[in-house]
Amino acid sequence: MRSLTPLFLFALLTIPVFAADRDLTISAPSQAQPGASVEVVITVKTTDIADEGVKFLQAEFSVDGGETWAAICYDSDLGSAATRSVTIEVGPAATQTIIRARSAFRGGADGDVDFAGKPIAWEKSWSQWKSPPARIATIDVK
């Protein structure tokens, strides 16, 4: 059996790889004092070179551990990247303030996908706010 020639190996290593880099992040403190105002930053982006964009960015927060939710944003057609900042007042002591965000990417060769590049099951994963397509951050109120 012949070994691979150096020229062949070089050709293999120089083949361009055009995978999309998708990301959805929530930046928030992990703890806060009761009633404190905290800044939450949600960032979504894609580097797909085939015209993929952020089709949806939806984010909500709850100051009562997930019993009720308030909107941060329900945005669509955001281009290749978007950032949303909001200041929220956390709940009372011994509770959790929860921030959840989900995104869908559309227009690239992969079809409708989440930040992990997996196809979105619109009737299942999208409606359940699980990861992916969602990210969740929790702030413990102490």
C-alpha atoms as a PDB file:
ATOM      1  CA  MET A   1       0.000   0.000   0.000  1.00  0.00           C
ATOM      2  CA  ARG A   2       1.407   3.371  -0.982  1.00  0.00           C
ATOM      3  CA  SER A   3       1.554   6.227   1.448  1.00  0.00           C
ATOM      4  CA  LEU A   4      -0.029   9.534   0.555  1.00  0.00           C
ATOM      5  CA  THR A   5       2.310  11.868  -1.242  1.00  0.00           C
ATOM      6  CA  PRO A   6       3.102  15.228   0.340  1.00  0.00           C
ATOM      7  CA  LEU A   7       1.481  17.037  -2.593  1.00  0.00           C
ATOM      8  CA  PHE A   8      -1.766  15.093  -2.141  1.00  0.00           C
ATOM      9  CA  LEU A   9      -1.768  15.820   1.605  1.00  0.00           C
ATOM     10  CA  PHE A  10      -1.222  19.514   0.892  1.00  0.00           C
ATOM     11  CA  ALA A  11      -4.175  19.504  -1.519  1.00  0.00           C
ATOM     12  CA  LEU A  12      -6.399  17.900   1.130  1.00  0.00           C
ATOM     13  CA  LEU A  13      -5.395  20.447   3.743  1.00  0.00           C
ATOM     14  CA  THR A  14      -6.058  23.428   1.479  1.00  0.00           C
ATOM     15  CA  ILE A  15      -9.616  22.496   0.473  1.00  0.00           C
ATOM     16  CA  PRO A  16     -11.757  25.304   1.836  1.00  0.00           C
ATOM     17  CA  VAL A  17     -14.380  24.446   4.417  1.00  0.00           C
ATOM     18  CA  PHE A  18     -17.407  26.709   4.390  1.00  0.00           C
ATOM     19  CA  ALA A  19     -19.260  25.717   7.542  1.00  0.00           C
ATOM     20  CA  ALA A  20     -21.403  28.340   9.175  1.00  0.00           C
ATOM     21  CA  ASP A  21     -20.503  29.565  12.632  1.00  0.00           C
ATOM     22  CA  ARG A  22     -23.755  30.332  14.457  1.00  0.00           C
ATOM     23  CA  ASP A  23     -24.020  31.632  17.992  1.00  0.00           C
ATOM     24  CA  LEU A  24     -26.642  32.706  20.512  1.00  0.00           C
ATOM     25  CA  THR A  25     -25.513  34.067  23.881  1.00  0.00           C
ATOM     26  CA  ILE A  26     -27.127  35.596  26.938  1.00  0.00           C
ATOM     27  CA  SER A  27     -24.924  37.703  29.202  1.00  0.00           C
ATOM     28  CA  ALA A  28     -26.374  38.279  32.658  1.00  0.00           C
ATOM     29  CA  PRO A  29     -25.109  38.208  36.232  1.00  0.00           C
ATOM     30  CA  SER A  30     -25.501  34.898  38.060  1.00  0.00           C
ATOM     31  CA  GLN A  31     -26.651  36.602  41.277  1.00  0.00           C
ATOM     32  CA  ALA A  32     -28.354  39.830  42.294  1.00  0.00           C
ATOM     33  CA  GLN A  33     -29.850  41.519  45.325  1.00  0.00           C
ATOM     34  CA  PRO A  34     -33.675  41.591  45.627  1.00  0.00           C
ATOM     35  CA  GLY A  35     -35.184  44.282  43.402  1.00  0.00           C
ATOM     36  CA  ALA A  36     -31.843  45.139  41.791  1.00  0.00           C
ATOM     37  CA  SER A  37     -31.718  46.372  38.200  1.00  0.00           C
ATOM     38  CA  VAL A  38     -29.467  44.193  36.050  1.00  0.00           C
ATOM     39  CA  GLU A  39     -28.366  44.479  32.453  1.00  0.00           C
ATOM     40  CA  VAL A  40     -28.992  41.527  30.140  1.00  0.00           C
ATOM     41  CA  VAL A  41     -27.367  41.358  26.694  1.00  0.00           C
ATOM     42  CA  ILE A  42     -28.506  38.871  24.062  1.00  0.00           C
ATOM     43  CA  THR A  43     -26.342  38.376  20.977  1.00  0.00           C
ATOM     44  CA  VAL A  44     -27.044  36.267  17.904  1.00  0.00           C
ATOM     45  CA  LYS A  45     -24.931  35.876  14.758  1.00  0.00           C
ATOM     46  CA  THR A  46     -24.087  33.728  11.767  1.00  0.00           C
ATOM     47  CA  THR A  47     -21.023  33.713   9.555  1.00  0.00           C
ATOM     48  CA  ASP A  48     -22.608  31.633   6.789  1.00  0.00           C
ATOM     49  CA  ILE A  49     -21.273  32.962   3.498  1.00  0.00           C
ATOM     50  CA  ALA A  50     -24.285  31.729   1.507  1.00  0.00           C
ATOM     51  CA  ASP A  51     -26.661  34.531   2.541  1.00  0.00           C
ATOM     52  CA  GLU A  52     -27.908  32.874   5.710  1.00  0.00           C
ATOM     53  CA  GLY A  53     -29.349  35.310   8.210  1.00  0.00           C
ATOM     54  CA  VAL A  54     -30.979  35.497  11.594  1.00  0.00           C
ATOM     55  CA  LYS A  55     -34.632  34.922  10.741  1.00  0.00           C
ATOM     56  CA  PHE A  56     -35.953  35.081  14.307  1.00  0.00           C
ATOM     57  CA  LEU A  57     -34.693  36.250  17.685  1.00  0.00           C
ATOM     58  CA  GLN A  58     -37.188  35.896  20.476  1.00  0.00           C
ATOM     59  CA  ALA A  59     -36.379  36.587  24.121  1.00  0.00           C
ATOM     60  CA  GLU A  60     -38.351  36.764  27.345  1.00  0.00           C
ATOM     61  CA  PHE A  61     -37.729  37.034  31.078  1.00  0.00           C
ATOM     62  CA  SER A  62     -39.473  35.868  34.225  1.00  0.00           C
ATOM     63  CA  VAL A  63     -38.999  37.302  37.715  1.00  0.00           C
ATOM     64  CA  ASP A  64     -41.083  34.578  39.380  1.00  0.00           C
ATOM     65  CA  GLY A  65     -39.139  31.449  38.460  1.00  0.00           C
ATOM     66  CA  GLY A  66     -40.922  30.855  35.167  1.00  0.00           C
ATOM     67  CA  GLU A  67     -44.546  31.241  36.210  1.00  0.00           C
ATOM     68  CA  THR A  68     -45.080  34.315  34.020  1.00  0.00           C
ATOM     69  CA  TRP A  69     -43.029  35.790  31.167  1.00  0.00           C
ATOM     70  CA  ALA A  70     -42.456  39.301  29.796  1.00  0.00           C
ATOM     71  CA  ALA A  71     -41.111  40.072  26.345  1.00  0.00           C
ATOM     72  CA  ILE A  72     -37.622  41.377  25.678  1.00  0.00           C
ATOM     73  CA  CYS A  73     -37.923  41.092  21.882  1.00  0.00           C
ATOM     74  CA  TYR A  74     -39.705  39.194  19.141  1.00  0.00           C
ATOM     75  CA  ASP A  75     -37.643  40.288  16.153  1.00  0.00           C
ATOM     76  CA  SER A  76     -37.308  38.916  12.635  1.00  0.00           C
ATOM     77  CA  ASP A  77     -35.101  39.335   9.578  1.00  0.00           C
ATOM     78  CA  LEU A  78     -32.086  40.695  11.470  1.00  0.00           C
ATOM     79  CA  GLY A  79     -29.347  40.150   8.905  1.00  0.00           C
ATOM     80  CA  SER A  80     -26.212  38.299   9.955  1.00  0.00           C
ATOM     81  CA  ALA A  81     -26.054  39.561  13.562  1.00  0.00           C
ATOM     82  CA  ALA A  82     -28.012  41.388  16.236  1.00  0.00           C
ATOM     83  CA  THR A  83     -27.652  42.451  19.849  1.00  0.00           C
ATOM     84  CA  ARG A  84     -30.433  43.306  22.259  1.00  0.00           C
ATOM     85  CA  SER A  85     -29.787  44.934  25.642  1.00  0.00           C
ATOM     86  CA  VAL A  86     -32.352  45.349  28.357  1.00  0.00           C
ATOM     87  CA  THR A  87     -32.325  46.361  32.004  1.00  0.00           C
ATOM     88  CA  ILE A  88     -34.671  44.334  34.168  1.00  0.00           C
ATOM     89  CA  GLU A  89     -35.537  44.459  37.838  1.00  0.00           C
ATOM     90  CA  VAL A  90     -35.089  41.048  39.463  1.00  0.00           C
ATOM     91  CA  GLY A  91     -37.671  39.566  41.805  1.00  0.00           C
ATOM     92  CA  PRO A  92     -37.723  39.196  45.584  1.00  0.00           C
ATOM     93  CA  ALA A  93     -35.210  37.283  47.724  1.00  0.00           C
ATOM     94  CA  ALA A  94     -35.015  33.501  47.355  1.00  0.00           C
ATOM     95  CA  THR A  95     -36.377  33.539  43.792  1.00  0.00           C
ATOM     96  CA  GLN A  96     -34.859  33.118  40.363  1.00  0.00           C
ATOM     97  CA  THR A  97     -35.057  35.512  37.461  1.00  0.00           C
ATOM     98  CA  ILE A  98     -34.872  33.544  34.222  1.00  0.00           C
ATOM     99  CA  ILE A  99     -33.968  34.856  30.781  1.00  0.00           C
ATOM    100  CA  ARG A 100     -34.647  32.729  27.733  1.00  0.00           C
ATOM    101  CA  ALA A 101     -33.787  33.429  24.100  1.00  0.00           C
ATOM    102  CA  ARG A 102     -34.183  31.417  20.925  1.00  0.00           C
ATOM    103  CA  SER A 103     -33.057  31.996  17.374  1.00  0.00           C
ATOM    104  CA  ALA A 104     -33.615  30.515  13.959  1.00  0.00           C
ATOM    105  CA  PHE A 105     -31.330  30.912  10.966  1.00  0.00           C
ATOM    106  CA  ARG A 106     -32.661  30.824   7.403  1.00  0.00           C
ATOM    107  CA  GLY A 107     -31.467  31.359   3.852  1.00  0.00           C
ATOM    108  CA  GLY A 108     -28.358  29.202   3.815  1.00  0.00           C
ATOM    109  CA  ALA A 109     -27.770  25.786   2.312  1.00  0.00           C
ATOM    110  CA  ASP A 110     -28.785  24.061   5.582  1.00  0.00           C
ATOM    111  CA  GLY A 111     -32.403  25.302   5.591  1.00  0.00           C
ATOM    112  CA  ASP A 112     -34.043  26.459   8.834  1.00  0.00           C
ATOM    113  CA  VAL A 113     -31.559  25.641  11.593  1.00  0.00           C
ATOM    114  CA  ASP A 114     -30.817  26.494  15.217  1.00  0.00           C
ATOM    115  CA  PHE A 115     -27.504  27.771  16.618  1.00  0.00           C
ATOM    116  CA  ALA A 116     -26.142  24.214  16.678  1.00  0.00           C
ATOM    117  CA  GLY A 117     -26.865  23.809  12.950  1.00  0.00           C
ATOM    118  CA  LYS A 118     -29.659  21.293  13.520  1.00  0.00           C
ATOM    119  CA  PRO A 119     -32.936  21.505  11.591  1.00  0.00           C
ATOM    120  CA  ILE A 120     -35.655  23.229  13.594  1.00  0.00           C
ATOM    121  CA  ALA A 121     -38.670  21.098  14.459  1.00  0.00           C
ATOM    122  CA  TRP A 122     -41.124  24.002  14.419  1.00  0.00           C
ATOM    123  CA  GLU A 123     -43.928  22.076  16.147  1.00  0.00           C
ATOM    124  CA  LYS A 124     -41.663  20.521  18.783  1.00  0.00           C
ATOM    125  CA  SER A 125     -38.330  22.091  19.747  1.00  0.00           C
ATOM    126  CA  TRP A 126     -39.310  25.658  18.859  1.00  0.00           C
ATOM    127  CA  SER A 127     -42.428  25.700  21.022  1.00  0.00           C
ATOM    128  CA  GLN A 128     -40.743  24.120  24.045  1.00  0.00           C
ATOM    129  CA  TRP A 129     -37.934  26.670  24.628  1.00  0.00           C
ATOM    130  CA  LYS A 130     -35.368  23.891  25.076  1.00  0.00           C
ATOM    131  CA  SER A 131     -31.733  24.024  24.033  1.00  0.00           C
ATOM    132  CA  PRO A 132     -31.277  24.239  21.100  1.00  0.00           C
ATOM    133  CA  PRO A 133     -32.904  26.367  19.670  1.00  0.00           C
ATOM    134  CA  ALA A 134     -33.064  28.218  23.009  1.00  0.00           C
ATOM    135  CA  ARG A 135     -30.537  29.368  25.574  1.00  0.00           C
ATOM    136  CA  ILE A 136     -31.490  29.994  29.189  1.00  0.00           C
ATOM    137  CA  ALA A 137     -29.747  32.098  31.859  1.00  0.00           C
ATOM    138  CA  THR A 138     -30.710  32.151  35.521  1.00  0.00           C
ATOM    139  CA  ILE A 139     -30.104  34.884  38.081  1.00  0.00           C
ATOM    140  CA  ASP A 140     -30.308  33.768  41.709  1.00  0.00           C
ATOM    141  CA  VAL A 141     -31.824  36.488  43.867  1.00  0.00           C
ATOM    142  CA  LYS A 142     -30.208  36.419  47.312  1.00  0.00           C
END
